[in-house]
Amino acid sequence: MATGMAIMGFGGGATSSGVTETFIVLGVLYFISMTIGALAIRIQPAGWTPPATANKMITKNHGHIDQALKTPQFYLL
């Protein structure tokens, strides 16, 4: 969604009167839409329970950078 909105902003910026106004408007729109999206994603559906199977990639604790550097997912990301 963020990429699509950024591409949309390039088209809208071509018709605007100035670069500064375009970035201000897009910044406000991005902030509003990303905040709404973040709040919507954090809400869990009614009756949802986390899976009982253990997964090494999911943790409830903070991970240290030394451990993250040892995983292939870090470099693939």
Protein backbone atom coordinates (compact mmCIF):
# COMPACT_ATOMS: atom_id res chain seq x y z
CA MET A 1 0.00 0.00 0.00
CA ALA A 2 2.82 2.41 0.86
CA THR A 3 4.47 1.81 -2.51
CA GLY A 4 1.23 2.40 -4.36
CA MET A 5 0.62 5.62 -2.49
CA ALA A 6 4.16 6.79 -3.24
CA ILE A 7 3.68 6.13 -6.96
CA MET A 8 0.33 7.95 -6.78
CA GLY A 9 2.14 10.88 -5.16
CA PHE A 10 4.51 11.24 -8.09
CA GLY A 11 1.56 11.69 -10.45
CA GLY A 12 -0.19 14.10 -8.10
CA GLY A 13 3.00 16.06 -7.55
CA ALA A 14 3.32 16.81 -11.23
CA THR A 15 0.15 18.91 -11.15
CA SER A 16 0.86 20.69 -7.85
CA SER A 17 2.15 24.25 -7.62
CA GLY A 18 5.20 23.35 -5.55
CA VAL A 19 7.34 20.53 -4.28
CA THR A 20 7.09 21.61 -0.64
CA GLU A 21 3.29 21.63 -0.63
CA THR A 22 3.24 18.22 -2.31
CA PHE A 23 5.48 16.66 0.34
CA ILE A 24 3.49 18.21 3.16
CA VAL A 25 0.18 16.91 1.79
CA LEU A 26 1.61 13.45 1.08
CA GLY A 27 3.24 13.31 4.51
CA VAL A 28 -0.03 14.06 6.24
CA LEU A 29 -1.92 11.53 4.10
CA TYR A 30 0.73 8.85 4.70
CA PHE A 31 0.70 9.48 8.44
CA ILE A 32 -3.08 9.19 8.65
CA SER A 33 -3.34 6.09 6.48
CA MET A 34 -0.40 4.29 8.12
CA THR A 35 -1.73 5.05 11.62
CA ILE A 36 -5.16 3.68 10.72
CA GLY A 37 -3.55 0.62 9.14
CA ALA A 38 -1.31 -0.04 12.14
CA LEU A 39 -4.22 0.22 14.55
CA ALA A 40 -6.39 -2.06 12.42
CA ILE A 41 -3.73 -4.77 12.13
CA ARG A 42 -3.08 -4.86 15.89
CA ILE A 43 -6.71 -5.74 16.63
CA GLN A 44 -7.12 -9.52 16.93
CA PRO A 45 -10.28 -11.18 15.62
CA ALA A 46 -12.76 -12.41 18.22
CA GLY A 47 -12.05 -15.97 19.30
CA TRP A 48 -8.52 -16.05 17.84
CA THR A 49 -5.91 -17.92 19.83
CA PRO A 50 -2.22 -18.20 18.92
CA PRO A 51 -1.09 -21.57 17.53
CA ALA A 52 0.17 -24.05 20.10
CA THR A 53 3.09 -25.28 17.96
CA ALA A 54 6.49 -23.84 18.80
CA ASN A 55 8.27 -21.87 16.11
CA LYS A 56 11.92 -20.87 16.48
CA MET A 57 11.36 -17.66 14.52
CA ILE A 58 8.63 -16.35 16.85
CA THR A 59 9.60 -14.99 20.23
CA LYS A 60 7.95 -12.89 22.91
CA ASN A 61 11.33 -11.67 24.13
CA HIS A 62 13.62 -9.07 22.63
CA GLY A 63 16.18 -10.54 20.26
CA HIS A 64 19.79 -9.41 20.29
CA ILE A 65 21.48 -8.28 17.09
CA ASP A 66 24.16 -10.96 17.50
CA GLN A 67 21.48 -13.65 17.29
CA ALA A 68 19.75 -11.95 14.35
CA LEU A 69 22.98 -11.84 12.36
CA LYS A 70 23.23 -15.64 12.61
CA THR A 71 19.93 -16.25 10.80
CA PRO A 72 19.63 -16.45 7.01
CA GLN A 73 16.31 -14.59 7.22
CA PHE A 74 18.16 -11.46 8.34
CA TYR A 75 20.19 -11.40 5.15
CA LEU A 76 17.28 -12.41 2.93
CA LEU A 77 15.22 -9.55 4.30
